Amino acid sequence: MNETFVLIAVFIAVLIPTFGILAAIQSRAELKKNLEDQPARSRTLSSAQIDEALGTENSKMRYYLSVMQEGQKNSLPMRLIQAGFLSSAAIWWFMVIRVLVVIAILVITQAFFTILFPKVTTSLVIFIGLTLGGCAFILTSAVLENMGKRRLREFKKLFPDFMDLLLVCIDAGLSIEAALDRVTREFLQTTPDFGVQLSIIGLEIRAGLPLHQAIANFSQRIDLEEARVLAVLFRQSEELGSSMSKTLRSFSKEMRELRIIKAEEKANALPVKMLFPMALFMFPVNLVIVLVPILIVIMSVLSGLTPQ
């Protein structure tokens, strides 16, 4: 029994510090992630810079509109725009980075095999280098796709704030165009990427595009279902002549309720998701705790037996 208590004490002495260290690391990682997700609130743009960003002479806007006119949704320019690179030079930079990555991998592969495995033939080294370079060439596209998806997730978090600010401006007496311009200026100060997307809506409205169509284009750019629903609501409000503020208020209320429902769904799914990791990591430990003392006793009994 003394050996059993010693084993239990050793197990607890190792388990508690391990869980403490893991909890501290996880809390620091979550804090770092929250700080990175929190948008910077420092106002760095002047009024002249904001007016330039909202103007039709903005080179980024002209480039975006030219790409949209081509209508190729999965093209490289459109993927670069979704990743946040609103410049015609972004394509050339992306291709240059691709080529440099492939060349770097070829050089590193050659140096690696030359230093560590000098007997390997040159043809095999070239084949391995080209294979790794091709994988890296494809991986750059995957990185670009990941950057675009990350920006879309950030935009999805910012969309409820956009709705609240737009509703406040409309309740204050501004028209929908003036409210959109005011909210766009605010987001250009805090989150320029999202502000640029909103400024495109204003430019399309000034170009003669209906509001619901501009919002629909906005929903396609950020790939957000709530924005598509908002475009449909704006279209219905224009056709039926209903109040825009009531429409926005009802939609904002539905969005809040939907967020609560999604949070409850995630909370209800958490026990099921925790079941398999807990069974995988805790069951073997419990099994060891139960069986090891019994095995020790059995071994001690067997070792004490003497043949007759």
Foldseek 3Di string as FASTA:
>chain_A
DVVLVVVVVVVVVVVVVVVVVVVVVVVVVVVVVVVVLAWAQAFDDDPVRLVQLLDPPNQLLVQVVVVVVVVDCPDPVLLQVLLPDSDPCVVVVLVVVLVVVLVVLLVVLVVVCVVPPVPDDPVVSNVVSVVVSVVSSVVSVVVSNVSSVVVLVSVVVCVLVLLVQLLVVVVVPDDSLVSLSVSLSSCCRTPVSVSSLSSSLSVCVVVPDDNLVSLCVSCSSSVDPLSPVVSVLVVVCVVVVDDPSVSSVVSSVVVVVVVVVVVVVVVVCVVVVVPVVCCVPVVVVVVCSVVVVVVVVVVVVVVPDDDD
